[in-house]
Protein backbone atom coordinates (compact mmCIF):
# COMPACT_ATOMS: atom_id res chain seq x y z
CA UNK A 1 10.02 17.01 -34.33
CA UNK A 2 9.10 13.54 -33.02
CA UNK A 3 5.62 13.47 -31.47
CA UNK A 4 7.21 10.15 -29.36
CA UNK A 5 6.25 10.83 -25.44
CA UNK A 6 9.44 10.26 -23.23
CA UNK A 7 7.79 7.31 -21.48
CA UNK A 8 7.65 5.48 -24.74
CA UNK A 9 11.32 5.63 -24.74
CA UNK A 10 12.52 1.94 -23.47
CA UNK A 11 16.41 2.99 -23.03
CA UNK A 12 14.91 6.30 -21.05
CA UNK A 13 12.46 4.66 -18.73
CA UNK A 14 15.06 1.99 -17.73
CA UNK A 15 17.43 4.52 -17.03
CA UNK A 16 14.89 6.17 -14.71
CA UNK A 17 13.96 3.19 -13.11
CA UNK A 18 17.40 3.03 -11.52
CA UNK A 19 17.97 6.99 -10.99
CA UNK A 20 14.77 8.39 -10.17
CA UNK A 21 12.39 5.41 -9.35
CA UNK A 22 9.02 6.98 -8.91
CA UNK A 23 9.20 8.72 -12.09
CA UNK A 24 10.72 5.31 -14.32
CA UNK A 25 7.43 3.60 -12.49
CA UNK A 26 5.16 6.44 -14.00
CA UNK A 27 7.15 5.78 -17.13
CA UNK A 28 6.32 2.08 -17.06
CA UNK A 29 2.87 2.68 -16.50
CA UNK A 30 2.20 5.08 -19.48
CA UNK A 31 4.22 3.28 -21.35
CA UNK A 32 2.16 1.88 -24.76
CA UNK A 33 5.12 0.08 -26.21
CA UNK A 34 6.17 -1.76 -22.93
CA UNK A 35 3.99 -5.32 -22.74
CA UNK A 36 1.72 -5.58 -19.97
CA UNK A 37 3.44 -8.46 -18.44
CA UNK A 38 6.48 -6.48 -18.30
CA UNK A 39 4.62 -3.96 -16.70
CA UNK A 40 3.16 -6.30 -13.74
CA UNK A 41 6.60 -8.12 -13.14
CA UNK A 42 8.71 -4.47 -12.79
CA UNK A 43 6.00 -3.34 -10.41
CA UNK A 44 6.29 -5.97 -8.48
CA UNK A 45 9.43 -6.43 -8.29
CA UNK A 46 9.87 -3.17 -6.95
CA UNK A 47 7.35 -3.48 -4.80
CA UNK A 48 9.16 -6.78 -3.65
CA UNK A 49 11.88 -4.66 -2.65
CA UNK A 50 10.18 -1.95 -1.22
CA UNK A 51 8.85 -4.68 1.14
CA UNK A 52 12.61 -5.82 1.81
CA UNK A 53 13.88 -2.49 3.09
CA UNK A 54 11.11 -1.89 4.77
CA UNK A 55 11.71 -5.57 6.81
CA UNK A 56 15.25 -4.85 6.95
CA UNK A 57 15.27 -1.55 8.58
CA UNK A 58 13.23 -2.69 11.39
CA UNK A 59 16.22 -5.34 11.86
């Protein structure tokens, strides 16, 4: 059996970002294999989309 953690599987984390975003974000944050610039870009994009969704809900 493999000792690799689920959050180091990039395909699984990518899928979770679209299906269950909170778990996907946690996976990106905890991952050792995903570079820090990717983490910053991903979390920034998710934050931006959350901001846009909040603004759109008031319109």
